[in-house]
Amino acid sequence: MISSAEFRRQVLAACDAGGGTRAVALRFQVSESWVRRIKQERRELGKTAPCQTRNRVPKWQAQADRITELIVEKHDLS
């Protein structure tokens, strides 16, 4: 099985070899927008591998204290 990082490098190599975005997307069965995005990430950030972690904060995080209070108040909910 090919790794995600290696797959991205192969797609970028195909682009570097002169393949257009559409042709490369069809060849690797990915979307054109994904090909454009990884090209942009390499150009702007020098990045060729996918992110290993995400820095997303859950939407409910701002209410975490209140949720905990409600669970304590209504102990039969836990």
Protein backbone atom coordinates (compact mmCIF):
# COMPACT_ATOMS: atom_id res chain seq x y z
CA MET A 1 0.00 0.00 0.00
CA ILE A 2 1.33 3.42 -0.93
CA SER A 3 1.48 6.07 1.80
CA SER A 4 -0.45 9.29 1.57
CA ALA A 5 2.77 11.32 1.50
CA GLU A 6 4.21 9.18 -1.31
CA PHE A 7 0.97 9.48 -3.28
CA ARG A 8 1.10 13.27 -3.00
CA ARG A 9 4.73 13.23 -4.18
CA GLN A 10 3.75 11.13 -7.21
CA VAL A 11 0.94 13.54 -8.10
CA LEU A 12 3.28 16.52 -7.75
CA ALA A 13 5.94 14.74 -9.86
CA ALA A 14 3.35 14.19 -12.59
CA CYS A 15 2.55 17.90 -12.50
CA ASP A 16 6.25 18.77 -12.62
CA ALA A 17 6.66 16.52 -15.65
CA GLY A 18 4.30 18.79 -17.55
CA GLY A 19 0.96 17.17 -16.83
CA GLY A 20 -1.91 19.59 -16.62
CA THR A 21 -4.14 19.69 -13.57
CA ARG A 22 -7.02 17.93 -15.30
CA ALA A 23 -4.83 15.23 -16.84
CA VAL A 24 -3.09 14.51 -13.55
CA ALA A 25 -6.41 14.42 -11.67
CA LEU A 26 -7.83 11.93 -14.17
CA ARG A 27 -4.68 9.81 -14.11
CA PHE A 28 -4.69 9.50 -10.32
CA GLN A 29 -8.49 9.55 -9.97
CA VAL A 30 -8.61 12.59 -7.70
CA SER A 31 -10.34 15.93 -8.04
CA GLU A 32 -8.79 18.82 -9.92
CA SER A 33 -9.27 21.03 -6.87
CA TRP A 34 -7.21 18.62 -4.74
CA VAL A 35 -4.38 18.71 -7.28
CA ARG A 36 -4.49 22.52 -7.31
CA ARG A 37 -4.52 22.59 -3.50
CA ILE A 38 -1.43 20.38 -3.04
CA LYS A 39 0.40 22.40 -5.71
CA GLN A 40 -0.50 25.58 -3.84
CA GLU A 41 0.62 24.13 -0.49
CA ARG A 42 3.98 23.20 -1.96
CA ARG A 43 4.38 26.60 -3.60
CA GLU A 44 3.35 28.68 -0.58
CA LEU A 45 4.40 26.50 2.36
CA GLY A 46 7.01 24.16 0.88
CA LYS A 47 4.88 21.27 2.09
CA THR A 48 4.53 17.98 0.22
CA ALA A 49 3.23 15.70 2.99
CA PRO A 50 -0.26 15.81 4.49
CA CYS A 51 -0.80 17.28 7.95
CA GLN A 52 -0.33 14.77 10.72
CA THR A 53 -2.57 16.51 13.24
CA ARG A 54 -5.46 18.86 13.02
CA ASN A 55 -5.87 21.85 15.29
CA ARG A 56 -9.65 21.88 15.29
CA VAL A 57 -11.56 22.91 18.39
CA PRO A 58 -14.96 21.24 18.79
CA LYS A 59 -17.88 23.67 18.50
CA TRP A 60 -19.17 22.61 21.90
CA GLN A 61 -15.83 23.32 23.62
CA ALA A 62 -16.90 26.85 24.57
CA GLN A 63 -19.82 25.32 26.50
CA ALA A 64 -17.82 22.50 28.16
CA ASP A 65 -18.06 23.95 31.68
CA ARG A 66 -21.82 24.42 31.40
CA ILE A 67 -22.27 20.90 30.03
CA THR A 68 -20.31 19.49 32.97
CA GLU A 69 -22.44 21.50 35.42
CA LEU A 70 -25.64 20.16 33.89
CA ILE A 71 -24.39 16.59 34.08
CA VAL A 72 -23.46 17.04 37.74
CA GLU A 73 -26.86 18.58 38.51
CA LYS A 74 -28.70 15.78 36.75
CA HIS A 75 -26.50 12.90 37.79
CA ASP A 76 -28.88 10.38 36.22
CA LEU A 77 -27.75 11.64 32.76
CA SER A 78 -24.26 10.16 33.12
